[in-house]
Amino acid sequence: MACPAHAVPVESGGTCGPATRNASVFVRLALGLLLAYTMWAWAGLRPSFHWGGVAIAAVLFAGLARYSGRALVRDPLFYAGLAFMGLLAIQWANAGRVQYFDVGYQKWMYTAPRWPRWPSAFARTEALQMLAWFFPAWVIVWTFRAHRWPCREAQGFLRLLAYNVGALALFGLVQMASGTKAMYWMRPLKGHFFASFPYGNHVGPFFALVGALGAGLLLAELLDERDPATNRRTRHAFRLGRLATLAATALLCLVAAVLGFSRTGIILAGGLLLFGVGYGWARGWSLLTPAGRVNAAALTVGGLAVLCAAAIGIGEKGIQREISLKNIPAEMDLTSSERLDRELGGRPRFVLAAVTVWLEQPWFGWGGWGYKYRVADHVSPEDWPRLERGGWANVHVDLLQFLAEFGIVGVGLLSCALIPLAAAWLGAAVQRGALRTVAGCGLASTLVASVVDIPFRSPAILYVWLTILAAVPRACRLEASAPRSRAFPGVPERTEP
């Protein structure tokens, strides 16, 4: 996908100086390294690997401060992010609360924090983990706020991101086909894992998200570079190598999403597949000749056959286990609501408990991982063993998780960064094409998953989601309509031919 054929240079005059080129190369390399490191190193979940990502983010932030510091300090949202980092830092500094069970009151109790009226957390190491997760996310947001990304530069970066995730999916397929029970063939794990993701429920949302990005880039190459009057392609012929690579990337990601063996991942992959195929045919029908429609139908059927064969051939038993209803003994007479609660693993009860936990500290929350220390007080003692074994340190609803940990203030500060990025998708200068539509569907699918699971508790998903949210409007920008602005104060702007 190239920039729209009718786009013209944003700026006139000036030259493409070495400082501008160096800054652009530095930003792309540092951001790409941060994303790749997080994806490939335990998907960002293993605490011992967090500091590598923090170090890369710190170097990237230092570069942004050097090349475009003036743009940063003039942006009000920079200070919203800084305030959120300050909230996390205060929770960390005021951590150290001890939880205990009072036998007399038959109730879970906890000691007061060092500064009773200030935001706090229970465990200092867990509060520090929030800083290690969200500092790189903050830097990613400001990478797109402070640095000017020309249309082609953003498109190229998104393609490389998709290729990287496609390679990760291929690695996961090889690892799974080998029958190993150890991640990277080195670290044994008891539960199901895929590629670099130790938690299977993160696999579906992550690969579905990037699969939608790959499909959007592919359809944009096929559909969005035509002259509206003649219906012919503009600027260049099809790049067959790029088309083949993007198609393989999208298929690999959708197969990987299914092989996470979660109902959410299977539903997301199937929904995105139907949407992408339907959208492509709706847009492409009038553009194709009768012979072209036959060829496109053959390619579509072939791609679907490859996807189904790979998913079922490698993971048939796991897929059957996920899509089958749970066995209930005949002597158990359950109501519809009880049956639903059983199928959902008790999620409704824990969601109600999470609301109560949040309302205990509505403004600043309980700090990183604070929910798990308070939830036992709001569920039946029969559920207490599940809090240790069943992964219920998380709410499995991301918004409630963030409210319980960071309160209204923290969630409000996070929203200050997200709303402008989302609003950019509606800008007049953003082309309403395949990339925007299909990639936007992928972003929405992650939000849907966050209502019933915890995709944003994975740094890999969080960082890639933010990158796609921020980069796609720039990749779809009609640069003739973009305002005049300097990427780096004091540095001449590039004049594109």
Protein backbone atom coordinates (compact mmCIF):
# COMPACT_ATOMS: atom_id res chain seq x y z
CA MET A 1 0.00 0.00 0.00
CA ALA A 2 1.38 3.36 -0.99
CA CYS A 3 0.13 6.74 0.10
CA PRO A 4 -2.96 7.92 -1.78
CA ALA A 5 -2.14 8.75 -5.37
CA HIS A 6 -3.46 12.28 -5.08
CA ALA A 7 -1.43 13.12 -1.99
CA VAL A 8 1.06 15.95 -2.34
CA PRO A 9 3.91 17.05 -0.10
CA VAL A 10 2.83 18.53 3.19
CA GLU A 11 5.61 21.05 3.34
CA SER A 12 7.31 23.06 0.69
CA GLY A 13 10.80 24.27 0.88
CA GLY A 14 13.53 23.02 3.15
CA THR A 15 15.66 19.96 2.75
CA CYS A 16 15.85 16.52 4.21
CA GLY A 17 18.75 17.07 6.57
CA PRO A 18 20.79 14.31 8.17
CA ALA A 19 19.37 15.14 11.61
CA THR A 20 15.83 14.43 10.39
CA ARG A 21 16.87 11.16 8.75
CA ASN A 22 18.81 10.05 11.81
CA ALA A 23 15.90 10.86 14.11
CA SER A 24 13.42 8.91 11.99
CA VAL A 25 15.70 5.88 11.75
CA PHE A 26 16.40 5.99 15.49
CA VAL A 27 12.70 6.16 16.41
CA ARG A 28 11.72 3.30 14.11
CA LEU A 29 14.59 1.07 15.23
CA ALA A 30 14.07 1.72 18.95
CA LEU A 31 10.29 1.28 18.78
CA GLY A 32 10.61 -1.85 16.65
CA LEU A 33 13.16 -3.31 19.09
CA LEU A 34 10.88 -2.56 22.06
CA LEU A 35 7.92 -4.31 20.44
CA ALA A 36 9.96 -7.28 19.22
CA TYR A 37 11.65 -7.77 22.60
CA THR A 38 8.33 -7.69 24.44
CA MET A 39 6.64 -10.11 22.04
CA TRP A 40 9.43 -12.67 21.93
CA ALA A 41 10.51 -12.54 25.59
CA TRP A 42 7.64 -14.30 27.38
CA ALA A 43 5.15 -11.81 25.88
CA GLY A 44 6.29 -9.32 28.51
CA LEU A 45 4.86 -11.36 31.41
CA ARG A 46 8.02 -12.68 33.08
CA PRO A 47 9.23 -10.11 35.67
CA SER A 48 12.91 -10.95 35.22
CA PHE A 49 12.68 -9.79 31.59
CA HIS A 50 10.83 -6.53 32.27
CA TRP A 51 13.91 -4.43 32.67
CA GLY A 52 15.11 -5.06 29.16
CA GLY A 53 11.92 -3.45 27.83
CA VAL A 54 12.17 -0.60 30.35
CA ALA A 55 15.76 0.09 29.26
CA ILE A 56 14.82 0.20 25.57
CA ALA A 57 11.87 2.48 26.36
CA ALA A 58 14.15 4.78 28.37
CA VAL A 59 16.57 5.07 25.45
CA LEU A 60 13.67 5.79 23.09
CA PHE A 61 12.27 8.42 25.43
CA ALA A 62 15.68 10.06 25.72
CA GLY A 63 15.86 10.25 21.93
CA LEU A 64 12.39 11.79 21.72
CA ALA A 65 13.35 14.34 24.36
CA ARG A 66 16.45 15.25 22.38
CA TYR A 67 14.88 15.53 18.93
CA SER A 68 11.39 16.74 19.79
CA GLY A 69 11.42 17.76 23.42
CA ARG A 70 9.61 20.99 22.66
CA ALA A 71 6.70 19.08 21.14
CA LEU A 72 6.51 16.87 24.23
CA VAL A 73 6.41 19.65 26.80
CA ARG A 74 3.78 21.56 24.81
CA ASP A 75 1.44 18.56 24.70
CA PRO A 76 -1.08 18.55 27.61
CA LEU A 77 -1.48 14.80 27.28
CA PHE A 78 2.20 14.36 28.05
CA TYR A 79 1.44 15.65 31.53
CA ALA A 80 -1.56 13.33 31.88
CA GLY A 81 0.76 10.39 31.22
CA LEU A 82 3.33 11.84 33.59
CA ALA A 83 0.64 12.14 36.27
CA PHE A 84 -0.31 8.49 35.79
CA MET A 85 3.35 7.48 36.16
CA GLY A 86 3.38 9.61 39.32
CA LEU A 87 0.34 7.76 40.67
CA LEU A 88 2.05 4.41 40.09
CA ALA A 89 5.25 5.71 41.72
CA ILE A 90 3.35 6.85 44.82
CA GLN A 91 1.57 3.49 45.09
CA TRP A 92 4.97 1.80 44.89
CA ALA A 93 6.56 4.09 47.50
CA ASN A 94 3.58 3.62 49.84
CA ALA A 95 3.44 -0.17 49.42
CA GLY A 96 4.18 -2.77 52.05
CA ARG A 97 0.75 -3.58 53.50
CA VAL A 98 0.38 -6.99 55.13
CA GLN A 99 -2.76 -9.08 54.80
CA TYR A 100 -3.78 -11.52 57.54
CA PHE A 101 -6.82 -13.51 58.63
CA ASP A 102 -8.33 -12.45 61.95
CA VAL A 103 -9.57 -15.62 63.63
CA GLY A 104 -11.72 -13.72 66.10
CA TYR A 105 -13.60 -11.69 63.49
CA GLN A 106 -13.33 -14.48 60.88
CA LYS A 107 -12.33 -11.84 58.36
CA TRP A 108 -9.37 -10.95 56.19
CA MET A 109 -7.59 -7.85 57.54
CA TYR A 110 -4.61 -5.78 56.41
CA THR A 111 -2.24 -3.28 57.95
CA ALA A 112 -2.38 0.42 57.15
CA PRO A 113 0.08 1.92 54.64
CA ARG A 114 2.96 4.16 55.69
CA TRP A 115 1.02 7.28 54.56
CA PRO A 116 -2.62 6.41 55.31
CA ARG A 117 -4.37 8.96 53.08
CA TRP A 118 -2.11 8.55 50.04
CA PRO A 119 -2.44 6.04 47.19
CA SER A 120 -0.90 2.73 48.19
CA ALA A 121 -0.36 -0.89 47.17
CA PHE A 122 0.10 -4.15 49.02
CA ALA A 123 3.38 -5.59 47.70
CA ARG A 124 6.19 -3.31 46.58
CA THR A 125 7.44 -5.69 43.89
CA GLU A 126 3.95 -5.95 42.39
CA ALA A 127 3.51 -2.18 42.39
CA LEU A 128 6.89 -1.86 40.68
CA GLN A 129 5.69 -4.29 38.02
CA MET A 130 2.99 -1.79 37.03
CA LEU A 131 5.65 0.84 36.41
CA ALA A 132 7.63 -1.65 34.32
CA TRP A 133 4.50 -2.37 32.24
CA PHE A 134 3.11 1.11 31.75
CA PHE A 135 6.26 3.19 31.31
CA PRO A 136 7.02 1.61 27.89
CA ALA A 137 3.33 1.97 26.96
CA TRP A 138 3.52 5.68 27.80
CA VAL A 139 6.66 6.07 25.67
CA ILE A 140 4.96 4.32 22.73
CA VAL A 141 2.07 6.80 22.86
CA TRP A 142 4.41 9.80 22.88
CA THR A 143 6.48 8.31 20.07
CA PHE A 144 3.49 8.93 17.82
CA ARG A 145 2.48 12.20 19.47
CA ALA A 146 5.90 13.88 19.26
CA HIS A 147 7.44 12.37 16.14
CA ARG A 148 6.05 13.05 12.68
CA TRP A 149 5.41 9.78 10.83
CA PRO A 150 5.07 10.29 7.08
CA CYS A 151 2.53 8.08 5.38
CA ARG A 152 5.01 5.65 3.79
CA GLU A 153 7.08 5.45 6.96
CA ALA A 154 4.03 4.44 9.02
CA GLN A 155 2.95 1.89 6.42
CA GLY A 156 6.40 0.33 6.29
CA PHE A 157 6.57 0.11 10.08
CA LEU A 158 3.17 -1.60 10.27
CA ARG A 159 4.21 -4.14 7.62
CA LEU A 160 7.37 -4.99 9.55
CA LEU A 161 5.32 -5.33 12.73
CA ALA A 162 2.95 -7.74 10.99
CA TYR A 163 5.85 -9.76 9.53
CA ASN A 164 7.45 -10.02 12.97
CA VAL A 165 4.25 -11.37 14.50
CA GLY A 166 3.83 -13.74 11.55
CA ALA A 167 7.30 -15.11 12.30
CA LEU A 168 6.29 -15.50 15.96
CA ALA A 169 3.18 -17.43 14.88
CA LEU A 170 5.30 -19.71 12.69
CA PHE A 171 7.66 -20.29 15.61
CA GLY A 172 4.66 -21.21 17.75
CA LEU A 173 3.39 -23.69 15.16
CA VAL A 174 6.79 -25.39 14.94
CA GLN A 175 7.11 -25.46 18.72
CA MET A 176 3.63 -26.93 19.12
CA ALA A 177 4.06 -29.49 16.33
CA SER A 178 7.24 -30.73 18.00
CA GLY A 179 5.18 -31.86 20.99
CA THR A 180 7.39 -30.09 23.53
CA LYS A 181 6.05 -29.26 26.98
CA ALA A 182 8.69 -26.57 27.49
CA MET A 183 8.51 -23.03 26.19
CA TYR A 184 11.44 -22.30 23.87
CA TRP A 185 12.22 -26.01 24.40
CA MET A 186 13.90 -24.91 27.65
CA ARG A 187 11.36 -23.94 30.33
CA PRO A 188 8.75 -26.65 31.20
CA LEU A 189 5.23 -25.32 31.82
CA LYS A 190 2.24 -27.21 33.17
CA GLY A 191 -0.55 -25.39 31.34
CA HIS A 192 -1.09 -24.76 27.65
CA PHE A 193 1.22 -22.23 26.02
CA PHE A 194 1.85 -21.08 22.48
CA ALA A 195 4.91 -19.38 20.98
CA SER A 196 6.10 -16.92 23.66
CA PHE A 197 2.75 -16.69 25.48
CA PRO A 198 2.63 -18.67 28.73
CA TYR A 199 -1.07 -17.88 29.20
CA GLY A 200 -3.22 -19.46 26.49
CA ASN A 201 -6.06 -16.92 26.74
CA HIS A 202 -3.71 -14.15 25.60
CA VAL A 203 -2.88 -15.96 22.37
CA GLY A 204 -6.23 -15.46 20.61
CA PRO A 205 -6.63 -11.69 21.14
CA PHE A 206 -2.98 -11.00 20.25
CA PHE A 207 -2.80 -12.93 16.99
CA ALA A 208 -6.34 -11.96 15.97
CA LEU A 209 -5.35 -8.30 16.41
CA VAL A 210 -2.28 -8.58 14.20
CA GLY A 211 -4.05 -10.92 11.79
CA ALA A 212 -6.57 -8.13 11.21
CA LEU A 213 -3.68 -5.71 10.64
CA GLY A 214 -2.10 -8.05 8.08
CA ALA A 215 -5.43 -8.55 6.32
CA GLY A 216 -6.00 -4.79 6.26
CA LEU A 217 -2.58 -4.16 4.73
CA LEU A 218 -3.22 -6.91 2.16
CA LEU A 219 -6.64 -5.59 1.13
CA ALA A 220 -5.29 -2.05 1.00
CA GLU A 221 -2.66 -3.19 -1.51
CA LEU A 222 -5.35 -4.82 -3.62
CA LEU A 223 -8.23 -2.35 -3.36
CA ASP A 224 -7.12 1.12 -2.34
CA GLU A 225 -4.69 2.13 -5.06
CA ARG A 226 -7.03 2.66 -7.96
CA ASP A 227 -8.07 5.76 -9.83
CA PRO A 228 -11.78 6.34 -9.07
CA ALA A 229 -12.45 7.38 -12.68
CA THR A 230 -10.71 4.54 -14.54
CA ASN A 231 -10.75 1.84 -11.83
CA ARG A 232 -7.12 1.11 -12.71
CA ARG A 233 -4.20 0.88 -10.34
CA THR A 234 -2.10 3.96 -9.79
CA ARG A 235 1.65 4.42 -9.41
CA HIS A 236 2.79 0.80 -9.64
CA ALA A 237 1.76 -2.74 -10.44
CA PHE A 238 1.05 -5.37 -7.81
CA ARG A 239 4.01 -6.27 -5.65
CA LEU A 240 3.51 -10.03 -5.70
CA GLY A 241 6.13 -10.73 -3.07
CA ARG A 242 4.54 -8.29 -0.65
CA LEU A 243 1.05 -9.62 -1.34
CA ALA A 244 2.16 -13.22 -0.74
CA THR A 245 3.94 -12.30 2.49
CA LEU A 246 0.99 -10.33 3.84
CA ALA A 247 -1.42 -13.16 2.95
CA ALA A 248 0.82 -15.72 4.68
CA THR A 249 1.12 -13.43 7.71
CA ALA A 250 -2.65 -13.03 8.05
CA LEU A 251 -3.23 -16.79 7.72
CA LEU A 252 -0.49 -17.67 10.21
CA CYS A 253 -1.90 -15.21 12.75
CA LEU A 254 -5.45 -16.53 12.43
CA VAL A 255 -4.24 -20.13 12.83
CA ALA A 256 -2.24 -19.08 15.89
CA ALA A 257 -5.29 -17.32 17.37
CA VAL A 258 -7.23 -20.59 17.21
CA LEU A 259 -4.37 -22.63 18.68
CA GLY A 260 -4.42 -20.61 21.88
CA PHE A 261 -7.29 -22.99 22.76
CA SER A 262 -9.62 -20.39 24.22
CA ARG A 263 -13.22 -19.86 23.21
CA THR A 264 -12.60 -16.13 22.94
CA GLY A 265 -9.70 -16.64 20.55
CA ILE A 266 -11.63 -19.07 18.36
CA ILE A 267 -14.61 -16.71 18.18
CA LEU A 268 -12.40 -13.70 17.41
CA ALA A 269 -10.49 -15.53 14.69
CA GLY A 270 -13.70 -16.78 13.08
CA GLY A 271 -15.40 -13.40 13.28
CA LEU A 272 -12.44 -11.53 11.81
CA LEU A 273 -12.09 -14.11 9.05
CA LEU A 274 -15.75 -13.72 8.05
CA PHE A 275 -15.53 -9.93 8.22
CA GLY A 276 -12.31 -9.75 6.20
CA VAL A 277 -13.53 -12.10 3.48
CA GLY A 278 -16.91 -10.38 3.30
CA TYR A 279 -15.40 -6.92 3.19
CA GLY A 280 -12.87 -7.91 0.53
CA TRP A 281 -15.52 -9.40 -1.74
CA ALA A 282 -17.92 -6.49 -1.22
CA ARG A 283 -15.23 -4.02 -2.22
CA GLY A 284 -13.58 -6.14 -4.89
CA TRP A 285 -16.58 -7.52 -6.81
CA SER A 286 -17.02 -4.48 -9.04
CA LEU A 287 -13.27 -4.18 -9.61
CA LEU A 288 -12.78 -7.70 -10.95
CA THR A 289 -13.49 -9.16 -14.34
CA PRO A 290 -15.44 -12.45 -14.47
CA ALA A 291 -12.17 -14.35 -14.84
CA GLY A 292 -10.69 -12.37 -11.98
CA ARG A 293 -13.63 -13.31 -9.75
CA VAL A 294 -13.07 -16.97 -10.47
CA ASN A 295 -9.37 -16.66 -9.63
CA ALA A 296 -10.13 -14.69 -6.47
CA ALA A 297 -12.70 -17.30 -5.40
CA ALA A 298 -10.13 -20.06 -5.91
CA LEU A 299 -7.55 -18.18 -3.84
CA THR A 300 -10.11 -17.53 -1.11
CA VAL A 301 -11.15 -21.17 -0.90
CA GLY A 302 -7.51 -22.26 -0.98
CA GLY A 303 -6.60 -19.90 1.84
CA LEU A 304 -9.54 -21.09 3.96
CA ALA A 305 -8.57 -24.71 3.32
CA VAL A 306 -4.99 -24.07 4.43
CA LEU A 307 -6.17 -22.26 7.55
CA CYS A 308 -8.60 -25.03 8.56
CA ALA A 309 -6.14 -27.81 7.78
CA ALA A 310 -3.38 -26.21 9.84
CA ALA A 311 -5.61 -25.41 12.82
CA ILE A 312 -7.40 -28.75 12.93
CA GLY A 313 -4.38 -30.83 11.99
CA ILE A 314 -2.27 -29.47 14.85
CA GLY A 315 -4.87 -28.68 17.51
CA GLU A 316 -7.99 -30.76 16.88
CA LYS A 317 -8.29 -32.08 20.45
CA GLY A 318 -7.75 -28.69 22.04
CA ILE A 319 -10.31 -27.03 19.77
CA GLN A 320 -12.90 -29.73 20.51
CA ARG A 321 -12.31 -29.34 24.23
CA GLU A 322 -12.91 -25.58 24.08
CA ILE A 323 -16.04 -25.59 21.94
CA SER A 324 -17.69 -28.45 23.89
CA LEU A 325 -19.98 -27.69 26.81
CA LYS A 326 -18.83 -28.82 30.22
CA ASN A 327 -20.11 -32.18 31.42
CA ILE A 328 -22.59 -31.92 34.27
CA PRO A 329 -23.62 -35.01 36.25
CA ALA A 330 -27.22 -36.08 35.66
CA GLU A 331 -28.07 -35.80 39.36
CA MET A 332 -27.21 -32.07 39.35
CA ASP A 333 -30.35 -30.10 38.50
CA LEU A 334 -29.04 -26.63 37.61
CA THR A 335 -31.02 -23.58 36.62
CA SER A 336 -30.12 -21.68 33.46
CA SER A 337 -28.23 -19.02 35.43
CA GLU A 338 -26.31 -21.68 37.36
CA ARG A 339 -25.44 -23.49 34.16
CA LEU A 340 -24.21 -20.21 32.62
CA ASP A 341 -22.15 -19.47 35.73
CA ARG A 342 -20.57 -22.91 35.47
CA GLU A 343 -19.74 -22.46 31.77
CA LEU A 344 -18.18 -19.06 32.52
CA GLY A 345 -16.10 -20.49 35.34
CA GLY A 346 -17.77 -18.36 38.01
CA ARG A 347 -16.87 -15.07 36.32
CA PRO A 348 -20.15 -13.28 37.22
CA ARG A 349 -19.53 -13.77 40.96
CA PHE A 350 -16.01 -12.41 40.74
CA VAL A 351 -17.13 -9.47 38.61
CA LEU A 352 -19.59 -8.42 41.33
CA ALA A 353 -16.82 -8.84 43.90
CA ALA A 354 -14.54 -6.62 41.79
CA VAL A 355 -17.11 -3.83 41.75
CA THR A 356 -17.28 -3.99 45.55
CA VAL A 357 -13.48 -3.99 45.83
CA TRP A 358 -13.27 -0.91 43.61
CA LEU A 359 -15.95 0.96 45.59
CA GLU A 360 -13.88 0.48 48.76
CA GLN A 361 -11.15 2.70 47.25
CA PRO A 362 -12.93 4.42 44.32
CA TRP A 363 -10.50 7.26 43.62
CA PHE A 364 -7.00 5.75 43.63
CA GLY A 365 -7.64 2.01 43.84
CA TRP A 366 -5.70 -0.60 45.77
CA GLY A 367 -2.52 -0.49 43.70
CA GLY A 368 -1.02 -2.99 41.30
CA TRP A 369 -2.44 -6.51 41.85
CA GLY A 370 -4.43 -5.14 44.79
CA TYR A 371 -7.64 -6.83 43.70
CA LYS A 372 -6.39 -10.30 44.63
CA TYR A 373 -5.81 -9.20 48.23
CA ARG A 374 -9.37 -7.93 48.70
CA VAL A 375 -11.50 -10.28 46.62
CA ALA A 376 -11.52 -13.08 49.23
CA ASP A 377 -13.56 -10.82 51.51
CA HIS A 378 -16.34 -10.58 48.92
CA VAL A 379 -16.79 -14.17 47.74
CA SER A 380 -17.82 -17.35 49.50
CA PRO A 381 -15.13 -19.25 51.44
CA GLU A 382 -15.85 -22.12 49.06
CA ASP A 383 -14.23 -20.01 46.33
CA TRP A 384 -11.04 -19.26 48.28
CA PRO A 385 -9.08 -22.26 46.93
CA ARG A 386 -9.80 -21.03 43.38
CA LEU A 387 -8.09 -17.74 44.19
CA GLU A 388 -4.85 -19.67 44.58
CA ARG A 389 -5.22 -22.21 41.75
CA GLY A 390 -7.54 -20.79 39.14
CA GLY A 391 -5.85 -17.59 38.07
CA TRP A 392 -8.31 -15.35 39.87
CA ALA A 393 -5.70 -12.79 40.83
CA ASN A 394 -7.33 -10.97 37.91
CA VAL A 395 -10.94 -9.90 37.48
CA HIS A 396 -11.12 -11.12 33.86
CA VAL A 397 -12.70 -7.79 32.94
CA ASP A 398 -9.92 -5.32 32.16
CA LEU A 399 -11.84 -2.13 32.94
CA LEU A 400 -12.81 -3.40 36.39
CA GLN A 401 -9.24 -4.57 36.94
CA PHE A 402 -7.91 -1.09 36.25
CA LEU A 403 -10.60 0.55 38.37
CA ALA A 404 -9.80 -1.75 41.29
CA GLU A 405 -6.07 -1.07 40.99
CA PHE A 406 -5.88 2.58 39.87
CA GLY A 407 -9.30 4.00 40.70
CA ILE A 408 -11.22 6.66 38.85
CA VAL A 409 -8.19 8.96 38.80
CA GLY A 410 -5.91 6.38 37.21
CA VAL A 411 -8.45 5.25 34.62
CA GLY A 412 -9.23 8.89 33.82
CA LEU A 413 -5.56 9.63 33.18
CA LEU A 414 -5.29 6.55 30.95
CA SER A 415 -8.35 7.72 29.01
CA CYS A 416 -6.73 11.11 28.41
CA ALA A 417 -4.08 9.36 26.32
CA LEU A 418 -6.43 6.99 24.50
CA ILE A 419 -9.22 9.38 23.49
CA PRO A 420 -7.06 11.62 21.24
CA LEU A 421 -5.51 8.55 19.58
CA ALA A 422 -8.97 7.15 18.88
CA ALA A 423 -10.28 10.53 17.70
CA ALA A 424 -7.52 10.66 15.07
CA TRP A 425 -9.29 7.81 13.24
CA LEU A 426 -12.18 10.19 12.52
CA GLY A 427 -10.00 12.98 11.13
CA ALA A 428 -10.83 14.46 7.74
CA ALA A 429 -7.31 13.67 6.51
CA VAL A 430 -7.63 9.92 7.16
CA GLN A 431 -8.51 7.81 4.14
CA ARG A 432 -11.53 5.54 4.72
CA GLY A 433 -10.00 2.45 3.16
CA ALA A 434 -9.33 -1.21 3.82
CA LEU A 435 -6.49 -0.73 6.30
CA ARG A 436 -8.50 1.59 8.52
CA THR A 437 -11.59 -0.62 8.37
CA VAL A 438 -10.07 -4.06 8.94
CA ALA A 439 -7.38 -2.98 11.39
CA GLY A 440 -10.04 -1.04 13.28
CA CYS A 441 -12.07 -4.24 13.50
CA GLY A 442 -9.02 -5.92 15.03
CA LEU A 443 -8.70 -3.18 17.65
CA ALA A 444 -12.39 -3.52 18.46
CA SER A 445 -12.01 -7.29 18.81
CA THR A 446 -9.43 -6.77 21.56
CA LEU A 447 -11.82 -4.46 23.40
CA VAL A 448 -14.53 -7.11 23.13
CA ALA A 449 -12.13 -9.71 24.53
CA SER A 450 -11.32 -7.40 27.43
CA VAL A 451 -14.95 -7.59 28.58
CA VAL A 452 -14.64 -11.33 29.30
CA ASP A 453 -10.89 -11.79 29.78
CA ILE A 454 -7.63 -9.95 30.45
CA PRO A 455 -5.86 -9.15 27.15
CA PHE A 456 -4.54 -5.83 28.44
CA ARG A 457 -2.77 -7.63 31.29
CA SER A 458 -0.30 -8.74 28.62
CA PRO A 459 2.32 -6.10 27.81
CA ALA A 460 2.72 -7.58 24.33
CA ILE A 461 -0.97 -7.03 23.55
CA LEU A 462 -1.04 -3.62 25.22
CA TYR A 463 1.98 -2.30 23.31
CA VAL A 464 0.95 -3.65 19.91
CA TRP A 465 -2.64 -2.45 20.39
CA LEU A 466 -1.43 1.07 21.19
CA THR A 467 0.97 1.01 18.23
CA ILE A 468 -1.77 0.04 15.77
CA LEU A 469 -4.18 2.56 17.30
CA ALA A 470 -1.64 5.36 16.86
CA ALA A 471 0.01 4.33 13.57
CA VAL A 472 -2.93 3.42 11.32
CA PRO A 473 -4.33 6.98 11.01
CA ARG A 474 -0.86 8.13 9.97
CA ALA A 475 -0.54 5.28 7.46
CA CYS A 476 -3.92 6.24 5.96
CA ARG A 477 -3.33 9.98 5.98
CA LEU A 478 -4.03 12.10 2.92
CA GLU A 479 -0.96 14.21 3.34
CA ALA A 480 -2.27 17.06 1.22
CA SER A 481 -4.75 17.72 4.03
CA ALA A 482 -2.29 17.47 6.89
CA PRO A 483 -1.37 20.66 8.76
CA ARG A 484 2.04 22.18 8.44
CA SER A 485 4.14 21.22 11.41
CA ARG A 486 7.74 20.46 12.12
CA ALA A 487 8.61 16.98 13.27
CA PHE A 488 11.58 18.27 15.27
CA PRO A 489 11.96 21.88 16.36
CA GLY A 490 14.92 23.50 14.74
CA VAL A 491 15.39 20.72 12.17
CA PRO A 492 14.40 21.27 8.51
CA GLU A 493 11.47 19.16 7.34
CA ARG A 494 11.70 16.55 4.63
CA THR A 495 10.29 17.49 1.26
CA GLU A 496 8.94 14.36 -0.39
CA PRO A 497 9.08 14.14 -4.18
